[in-house]
Amino acid sequence: MDQALDLNHSAAGFHGLISHISGDKALQKKLMSLGLRKGQEISVLHQRHHGVVVSSNGSRVALGSSVAAKIFLQPTHAQES
């Protein structure tokens, strides 16, 4: 299995599954309220110097770089080839 990438190191167009989220329970609860949880498939729409915009289940979510650094992704099978 490939090593997980944090969301800050995932380029625009990257599709992956959230493999884990580091951080406290409050952060995990906040991300869950935004529809971002372990096992969720997301797509990186925009990668900015100070944050990232992702899409999940038809919703777009903008995250700051400090939060994005705590979300780790595994590429989906389509991207591994």
PDB file of N, CA and C in Angstrom:
ATOM      1  N   MET A   1       0.849  -1.182   0.000  1.00  0.00           N
ATOM      2  CA  MET A   1       0.000   0.000   0.000  1.00  0.00           C
ATOM      3  C   MET A   1       0.888   1.237   0.000  1.00  0.00           C
ATOM      4  N   ASP A   2       0.514   2.240  -0.804  1.00  0.00           N
ATOM      5  CA  ASP A   2       1.276   3.465  -0.865  1.00  0.00           C
ATOM      6  C   ASP A   2       1.135   4.248   0.430  1.00  0.00           C
ATOM      7  N   GLN A   3       2.144   5.080   0.706  1.00  0.00           N
ATOM      8  CA  GLN A   3       2.087   5.935   1.877  1.00  0.00           C
ATOM      9  C   GLN A   3       1.076   7.048   1.628  1.00  0.00           C
ATOM     10  N   ALA A   4       0.342   7.399   2.657  1.00  0.00           N
ATOM     11  CA  ALA A   4      -0.678   8.447   2.538  1.00  0.00           C
ATOM     12  C   ALA A   4      -0.017   9.812   2.380  1.00  0.00           C
ATOM     13  N   LEU A   5      -0.669  10.675   1.595  1.00  0.00           N
ATOM     14  CA  LEU A   5      -0.237  12.061   1.410  1.00  0.00           C
ATOM     15  C   LEU A   5      -1.142  12.964   2.223  1.00  0.00           C
ATOM     16  N   ASP A   6      -0.568  13.999   2.840  1.00  0.00           N
ATOM     17  CA  ASP A   6      -1.473  14.957   3.472  1.00  0.00           C
ATOM     18  C   ASP A   6      -2.094  15.828   2.391  1.00  0.00           C
ATOM     19  N   LEU A   7      -3.196  16.413   2.696  1.00  0.00           N
ATOM     20  CA  LEU A   7      -3.979  17.156   1.709  1.00  0.00           C
ATOM     21  C   LEU A   7      -3.205  18.332   1.121  1.00  0.00           C
ATOM     22  N   ASN A   8      -2.283  18.910   1.872  1.00  0.00           N
ATOM     23  CA  ASN A   8      -1.462  20.009   1.351  1.00  0.00           C
ATOM     24  C   ASN A   8      -0.547  19.557   0.219  1.00  0.00           C
ATOM     25  N   HIS A   9      -0.202  18.294   0.174  1.00  0.00           N
ATOM     26  CA  HIS A   9       0.716  17.772  -0.840  1.00  0.00           C
ATOM     27  C   HIS A   9      -0.007  17.040  -1.969  1.00  0.00           C
ATOM     28  N   SER A  10      -1.302  17.232  -2.079  1.00  0.00           N
ATOM     29  CA  SER A  10      -2.106  16.621  -3.132  1.00  0.00           C
ATOM     30  C   SER A  10      -2.440  17.701  -4.163  1.00  0.00           C
ATOM     31  N   ALA A  11      -2.067  17.461  -5.399  1.00  0.00           N
ATOM     32  CA  ALA A  11      -2.263  18.451  -6.460  1.00  0.00           C
ATOM     33  C   ALA A  11      -3.725  18.541  -6.878  1.00  0.00           C
ATOM     34  N   ALA A  12      -4.072  19.653  -7.498  1.00  0.00           N
ATOM     35  CA  ALA A  12      -5.418  19.814  -8.059  1.00  0.00           C
ATOM     36  C   ALA A  12      -5.669  18.668  -9.040  1.00  0.00           C
ATOM     37  N   GLY A  13      -6.847  18.083  -8.979  1.00  0.00           N
ATOM     38  CA  GLY A  13      -7.193  16.946  -9.817  1.00  0.00           C
ATOM     39  C   GLY A  13      -6.986  15.607  -9.127  1.00  0.00           C
ATOM     40  N   PHE A  14      -6.348  15.602  -7.957  1.00  0.00           N
ATOM     41  CA  PHE A  14      -6.101  14.366  -7.213  1.00  0.00           C
ATOM     42  C   PHE A  14      -7.417  13.839  -6.644  1.00  0.00           C
ATOM     43  N   HIS A  15      -7.634  12.532  -6.756  1.00  0.00           N
ATOM     44  CA  HIS A  15      -8.803  11.857  -6.185  1.00  0.00           C
ATOM     45  C   HIS A  15      -8.289  10.826  -5.190  1.00  0.00           C
ATOM     46  N   GLY A  16      -8.854  10.811  -4.009  1.00  0.00           N
ATOM     47  CA  GLY A  16      -8.402   9.846  -3.024  1.00  0.00           C
ATOM     48  C   GLY A  16      -9.417   9.625  -1.924  1.00  0.00           C
ATOM     49  N   LEU A  17      -9.079   8.670  -1.074  1.00  0.00           N
ATOM     50  CA  LEU A  17      -9.892   8.351   0.102  1.00  0.00           C
ATOM     51  C   LEU A  17      -9.181   8.867   1.337  1.00  0.00           C
ATOM     52  N   ILE A  18      -9.927   9.444   2.251  1.00  0.00           N
ATOM     53  CA  ILE A  18      -9.331   9.897   3.504  1.00  0.00           C
ATOM     54  C   ILE A  18      -8.945   8.657   4.299  1.00  0.00           C
ATOM     55  N   SER A  19      -7.641   8.491   4.531  1.00  0.00           N
ATOM     56  CA  SER A  19      -7.164   7.315   5.264  1.00  0.00           C
ATOM     57  C   SER A  19      -7.140   7.567   6.766  1.00  0.00           C
ATOM     58  N   HIS A  20      -6.815   8.777   7.175  1.00  0.00           N
ATOM     59  CA  HIS A  20      -6.924   9.151   8.586  1.00  0.00           C
ATOM     60  C   HIS A  20      -6.839  10.661   8.745  1.00  0.00           C
ATOM     61  N   ILE A  21      -7.295  11.094   9.909  1.00  0.00           N
ATOM     62  CA  ILE A  21      -7.266  12.512  10.263  1.00  0.00           C
ATOM     63  C   ILE A  21      -6.563  12.620  11.598  1.00  0.00           C
ATOM     64  N   SER A  22      -5.472  13.379  11.609  1.00  0.00           N
ATOM     65  CA  SER A  22      -4.801  13.620  12.891  1.00  0.00           C
ATOM     66  C   SER A  22      -5.435  14.854  13.515  1.00  0.00           C
ATOM     67  N   GLY A  23      -5.267  15.019  14.786  1.00  0.00           N
ATOM     68  CA  GLY A  23      -5.877  16.166  15.459  1.00  0.00           C
ATOM     69  C   GLY A  23      -6.827  15.708  16.538  1.00  0.00           C
ATOM     70  N   ASP A  24      -7.330  16.678  17.273  1.00  0.00           N
ATOM     71  CA  ASP A  24      -8.184  16.360  18.410  1.00  0.00           C
ATOM     72  C   ASP A  24      -9.619  16.041  17.981  1.00  0.00           C
ATOM     73  N   LYS A  25     -10.412  15.640  18.950  1.00  0.00           N
ATOM     74  CA  LYS A  25     -11.805  15.262  18.680  1.00  0.00           C
ATOM     75  C   LYS A  25     -12.618  16.434  18.144  1.00  0.00           C
ATOM     76  N   ALA A  26     -12.316  17.643  18.588  1.00  0.00           N
ATOM     77  CA  ALA A  26     -13.063  18.816  18.110  1.00  0.00           C
ATOM     78  C   ALA A  26     -12.845  19.016  16.611  1.00  0.00           C
ATOM     79  N   LEU A  27     -11.610  18.854  16.150  1.00  0.00           N
ATOM     80  CA  LEU A  27     -11.329  18.992  14.721  1.00  0.00           C
ATOM     81  C   LEU A  27     -12.033  17.888  13.943  1.00  0.00           C
ATOM     82  N   GLN A  28     -11.954  16.663  14.429  1.00  0.00           N
ATOM     83  CA  GLN A  28     -12.608  15.559  13.741  1.00  0.00           C
ATOM     84  C   GLN A  28     -14.116  15.765  13.670  1.00  0.00           C
ATOM     85  N   LYS A  29     -14.702  16.281  14.733  1.00  0.00           N
ATOM     86  CA  LYS A  29     -16.143  16.549  14.748  1.00  0.00           C
ATOM     87  C   LYS A  29     -16.488  17.664  13.749  1.00  0.00           C
ATOM     88  N   LYS A  30     -15.660  18.704  13.696  1.00  0.00           N
ATOM     89  CA  LYS A  30     -15.887  19.799  12.751  1.00  0.00           C
ATOM     90  C   LYS A  30     -15.823  19.290  11.319  1.00  0.00           C
ATOM     91  N   LEU A  31     -14.815  18.464  11.020  1.00  0.00           N
ATOM     92  CA  LEU A  31     -14.670  17.930   9.667  1.00  0.00           C
ATOM     93  C   LEU A  31     -15.824  17.002   9.320  1.00  0.00           C
ATOM     94  N   MET A  32     -16.284  16.217  10.291  1.00  0.00           N
ATOM     95  CA  MET A  32     -17.434  15.339  10.045  1.00  0.00           C
ATOM     96  C   MET A  32     -18.667  16.160   9.702  1.00  0.00           C
ATOM     97  N   SER A  33     -18.828  17.314  10.344  1.00  0.00           N
ATOM     98  CA  SER A  33     -19.985  18.168  10.045  1.00  0.00           C
ATOM     99  C   SER A  33     -19.908  18.745   8.635  1.00  0.00           C
ATOM    100  N   LEU A  34     -18.699  18.797   8.088  1.00  0.00           N
ATOM    101  CA  LEU A  34     -18.499  19.262   6.712  1.00  0.00           C
ATOM    102  C   LEU A  34     -18.550  18.108   5.703  1.00  0.00           C
ATOM    103  N   GLY A  35     -18.767  16.894   6.201  1.00  0.00           N
ATOM    104  CA  GLY A  35     -18.847  15.728   5.326  1.00  0.00           C
ATOM    105  C   GLY A  35     -17.510  15.078   5.046  1.00  0.00           C
ATOM    106  N   LEU A  36     -16.489  15.419   5.827  1.00  0.00           N
ATOM    107  CA  LEU A  36     -15.152  14.854   5.632  1.00  0.00           C
ATOM    108  C   LEU A  36     -14.835  13.916   6.794  1.00  0.00           C
ATOM    109  N   ARG A  37     -14.768  12.625   6.483  1.00  0.00           N
ATOM    110  CA  ARG A  37     -14.486  11.615   7.510  1.00  0.00           C
ATOM    111  C   ARG A  37     -13.658  10.498   6.902  1.00  0.00           C
ATOM    112  N   LYS A  38     -13.079   9.684   7.745  1.00  0.00           N
ATOM    113  CA  LYS A  38     -12.265   8.559   7.292  1.00  0.00           C
ATOM    114  C   LYS A  38     -13.070   7.686   6.340  1.00  0.00           C
ATOM    115  N   GLY A  39     -12.439   7.320   5.207  1.00  0.00           N
ATOM    116  CA  GLY A  39     -13.080   6.482   4.213  1.00  0.00           C
ATOM    117  C   GLY A  39     -13.827   7.264   3.144  1.00  0.00           C
ATOM    118  N   GLN A  40     -13.992   8.565   3.340  1.00  0.00           N
ATOM    119  CA  GLN A  40     -14.716   9.416   2.388  1.00  0.00           C
ATOM    120  C   GLN A  40     -13.845   9.679   1.169  1.00  0.00           C
ATOM    121  N   GLU A  41     -14.428   9.581  -0.027  1.00  0.00           N
ATOM    122  CA  GLU A  41     -13.712   9.906  -1.258  1.00  0.00           C
ATOM    123  C   GLU A  41     -13.815  11.399  -1.510  1.00  0.00           C
ATOM    124  N   ILE A  42     -12.681  12.026  -1.814  1.00  0.00           N
ATOM    125  CA  ILE A  42     -12.675  13.455  -2.111  1.00  0.00           C
ATOM    126  C   ILE A  42     -11.827  13.728  -3.341  1.00  0.00           C
ATOM    127  N   SER A  43     -12.067  14.874  -3.947  1.00  0.00           N
ATOM    128  CA  SER A  43     -11.296  15.354  -5.091  1.00  0.00           C
ATOM    129  C   SER A  43     -10.740  16.723  -4.741  1.00  0.00           C
ATOM    130  N   VAL A  44      -9.475  16.960  -5.090  1.00  0.00           N
ATOM    131  CA  VAL A  44      -8.863  18.266  -4.863  1.00  0.00           C
ATOM    132  C   VAL A  44      -9.198  19.143  -6.071  1.00  0.00           C
ATOM    133  N   LEU A  45      -9.910  20.240  -5.823  1.00  0.00           N
ATOM    134  CA  LEU A  45     -10.306  21.148  -6.894  1.00  0.00           C
ATOM    135  C   LEU A  45      -9.270  22.240  -7.128  1.00  0.00           C
ATOM    136  N   HIS A  46      -8.817  22.863  -6.044  1.00  0.00           N
ATOM    137  CA  HIS A  46      -7.849  23.954  -6.124  1.00  0.00           C
ATOM    138  C   HIS A  46      -6.823  23.784  -5.025  1.00  0.00           C
ATOM    139  N   GLN A  47      -5.577  23.989  -5.354  1.00  0.00           N
ATOM    140  CA  GLN A  47      -4.507  23.952  -4.368  1.00  0.00           C
ATOM    141  C   GLN A  47      -3.915  25.351  -4.295  1.00  0.00           C
ATOM    142  N   ARG A  48      -3.999  25.960  -3.164  1.00  0.00           N
ATOM    143  CA  ARG A  48      -3.486  27.309  -2.949  1.00  0.00           C
ATOM    144  C   ARG A  48      -2.335  27.251  -1.960  1.00  0.00           C
ATOM    145  N   HIS A  49      -1.572  28.332  -1.905  1.00  0.00           N
ATOM    146  CA  HIS A  49      -0.442  28.380  -0.971  1.00  0.00           C
ATOM    147  C   HIS A  49      -0.902  28.282   0.482  1.00  0.00           C
ATOM    148  N   HIS A  50      -2.058  28.856   0.789  1.00  0.00           N
ATOM    149  CA  HIS A  50      -2.536  28.871   2.172  1.00  0.00           C
ATOM    150  C   HIS A  50      -3.796  28.053   2.371  1.00  0.00           C
ATOM    151  N   GLY A  51      -4.037  27.083   1.510  1.00  0.00           N
ATOM    152  CA  GLY A  51      -5.219  26.250   1.694  1.00  0.00           C
ATOM    153  C   GLY A  51      -5.564  25.459   0.453  1.00  0.00           C
ATOM    154  N   VAL A  52      -6.676  24.760   0.554  1.00  0.00           N
ATOM    155  CA  VAL A  52      -7.091  23.854  -0.507  1.00  0.00           C
ATOM    156  C   VAL A  52      -8.619  23.839  -0.560  1.00  0.00           C
ATOM    157  N   VAL A  53      -9.166  23.620  -1.758  1.00  0.00           N
ATOM    158  CA  VAL A  53     -10.611  23.447  -1.932  1.00  0.00           C
ATOM    159  C   VAL A  53     -10.828  22.030  -2.423  1.00  0.00           C
ATOM    160  N   VAL A  54     -11.693  21.292  -1.729  1.00  0.00           N
ATOM    161  CA  VAL A  54     -11.974  19.909  -2.092  1.00  0.00           C
ATOM    162  C   VAL A  54     -13.463  19.746  -2.378  1.00  0.00           C
ATOM    163  N   SER A  55     -13.785  18.679  -3.086  1.00  0.00           N
ATOM    164  CA  SER A  55     -15.164  18.323  -3.381  1.00  0.00           C
ATOM    165  C   SER A  55     -15.437  16.935  -2.821  1.00  0.00           C
ATOM    166  N   SER A  56     -16.586  16.806  -2.175  1.00  0.00           N
ATOM    167  CA  SER A  56     -16.997  15.521  -1.625  1.00  0.00           C
ATOM    168  C   SER A  56     -18.514  15.448  -1.639  1.00  0.00           C
ATOM    169  N   ASN A  57     -19.050  14.411  -2.248  1.00  0.00           N
ATOM    170  CA  ASN A  57     -20.511  14.228  -2.321  1.00  0.00           C
ATOM    171  C   ASN A  57     -21.226  15.455  -2.869  1.00  0.00           C
ATOM    172  N   GLY A  58     -20.630  16.103  -3.866  1.00  0.00           N
ATOM    173  CA  GLY A  58     -21.275  17.246  -4.500  1.00  0.00           C
ATOM    174  C   GLY A  58     -21.113  18.562  -3.771  1.00  0.00           C
ATOM    175  N   SER A  59     -20.432  18.576  -2.648  1.00  0.00           N
ATOM    176  CA  SER A  59     -20.205  19.802  -1.886  1.00  0.00           C
ATOM    177  C   SER A  59     -18.744  20.219  -2.001  1.00  0.00           C
ATOM    178  N   ARG A  60     -18.522  21.520  -2.011  1.00  0.00           N
ATOM    179  CA  ARG A  60     -17.167  22.063  -2.013  1.00  0.00           C
ATOM    180  C   ARG A  60     -16.845  22.583  -0.620  1.00  0.00           C
ATOM    181  N   VAL A  61     -15.612  22.296  -0.180  1.00  0.00           N
ATOM    182  CA  VAL A  61     -15.181  22.726   1.147  1.00  0.00           C
ATOM    183  C   VAL A  61     -13.797  23.352   1.010  1.00  0.00           C
ATOM    184  N   ALA A  62     -13.644  24.566   1.545  1.00  0.00           N
ATOM    185  CA  ALA A  62     -12.343  25.236   1.579  1.00  0.00           C
ATOM    186  C   ALA A  62     -11.724  25.010   2.951  1.00  0.00           C
ATOM    187  N   LEU A  63     -10.454  24.584   2.946  1.00  0.00           N
ATOM    188  CA  LEU A  63      -9.748  24.316   4.192  1.00  0.00           C
ATOM    189  C   LEU A  63      -8.437  25.089   4.224  1.00  0.00           C
ATOM    190  N   GLY A  64      -8.094  25.619   5.383  1.00  0.00           N
ATOM    191  CA  GLY A  64      -6.808  26.264   5.563  1.00  0.00           C
ATOM    192  C   GLY A  64      -5.689  25.240   5.574  1.00  0.00           C
ATOM    193  N   SER A  65      -4.475  25.691   5.357  1.00  0.00           N
ATOM    194  CA  SER A  65      -3.345  24.761   5.261  1.00  0.00           C
ATOM    195  C   SER A  65      -3.083  24.010   6.563  1.00  0.00           C
ATOM    196  N   SER A  66      -3.353  24.629   7.714  1.00  0.00           N
ATOM    197  CA  SER A  66      -3.105  23.935   8.981  1.00  0.00           C
ATOM    198  C   SER A  66      -4.065  22.765   9.176  1.00  0.00           C
ATOM    199  N   VAL A  67      -5.306  22.906   8.721  1.00  0.00           N
ATOM    200  CA  VAL A  67      -6.275  21.803   8.795  1.00  0.00           C
ATOM    201  C   VAL A  67      -5.958  20.767   7.712  1.00  0.00           C
ATOM    202  N   ALA A  68      -5.647  21.237   6.499  1.00  0.00           N
ATOM    203  CA  ALA A  68      -5.348  20.321   5.397  1.00  0.00           C
ATOM    204  C   ALA A  68      -4.154  19.417   5.712  1.00  0.00           C
ATOM    205  N   ALA A  69      -3.212  19.918   6.501  1.00  0.00           N
ATOM    206  CA  ALA A  69      -2.030  19.128   6.869  1.00  0.00           C
ATOM    207  C   ALA A  69      -2.377  17.955   7.775  1.00  0.00           C
ATOM    208  N   LYS A  70      -3.569  17.958   8.344  1.00  0.00           N
ATOM    209  CA  LYS A  70      -3.981  16.896   9.267  1.00  0.00           C
ATOM    210  C   LYS A  70      -4.880  15.854   8.614  1.00  0.00           C
ATOM    211  N   ILE A  71      -5.155  16.025   7.314  1.00  0.00           N
ATOM    212  CA  ILE A  71      -5.997  15.082   6.572  1.00  0.00           C
ATOM    213  C   ILE A  71      -5.108  14.311   5.607  1.00  0.00           C
ATOM    214  N   PHE A  72      -5.104  12.993   5.716  1.00  0.00           N
ATOM    215  CA  PHE A  72      -4.234  12.142   4.908  1.00  0.00           C
ATOM    216  C   PHE A  72      -5.059  11.306   3.942  1.00  0.00           C
ATOM    217  N   LEU A  73      -4.569  11.215   2.711  1.00  0.00           N
ATOM    218  CA  LEU A  73      -5.295  10.546   1.630  1.00  0.00           C
ATOM    219  C   LEU A  73      -4.509   9.387   1.043  1.00  0.00           C
ATOM    220  N   GLN A  74      -5.249   8.377   0.605  1.00  0.00           N
ATOM    221  CA  GLN A  74      -4.715   7.296  -0.217  1.00  0.00           C
ATOM    222  C   GLN A  74      -5.313   7.496  -1.594  1.00  0.00           C
ATOM    223  N   PRO A  75      -4.507   7.361  -2.666  1.00  0.00           N
ATOM    224  CA  PRO A  75      -5.071   7.521  -4.015  1.00  0.00           C
ATOM    225  C   PRO A  75      -6.115   6.450  -4.290  1.00  0.00           C
ATOM    226  N   THR A  76      -7.122   6.793  -5.086  1.00  0.00           N
ATOM    227  CA  THR A  76      -8.101   5.803  -5.505  1.00  0.00           C
ATOM    228  C   THR A  76      -7.435   4.901  -6.543  1.00  0.00           C
ATOM    229  N   HIS A  77      -8.016   3.748  -6.808  1.00  0.00           N
ATOM    230  CA  HIS A  77      -7.433   2.775  -7.732  1.00  0.00           C
ATOM    231  C   HIS A  77      -7.195   3.351  -9.104  1.00  0.00           C
ATOM    232  N   ALA A  78      -8.064   4.222  -9.570  1.00  0.00           N
ATOM    233  CA  ALA A  78      -7.924   4.814 -10.891  1.00  0.00           C
ATOM    234  C   ALA A  78      -6.652   5.637 -11.010  1.00  0.00           C
ATOM    235  N   GLN A  79      -6.169   6.234  -9.893  1.00  0.00           N
ATOM    236  CA  GLN A  79      -4.978   7.074  -9.928  1.00  0.00           C
ATOM    237  C   GLN A  79      -3.702   6.299  -9.737  1.00  0.00           C
ATOM    238  N   GLU A  80      -3.770   5.089  -9.218  1.00  0.00           N
ATOM    239  CA  GLU A  80      -2.567   4.320  -8.915  1.00  0.00           C
ATOM    240  C   GLU A  80      -1.860   3.854 -10.162  1.00  0.00           C
ATOM    241  N   SER A  81      -2.549   3.760 -11.300  1.00  0.00           N
ATOM    242  CA  SER A  81      -1.930   3.251 -12.507  1.00  0.00           C
ATOM    243  C   SER A  81      -1.105   4.300 -13.213  1.00  0.00           C
TER     244      SER A  81
END
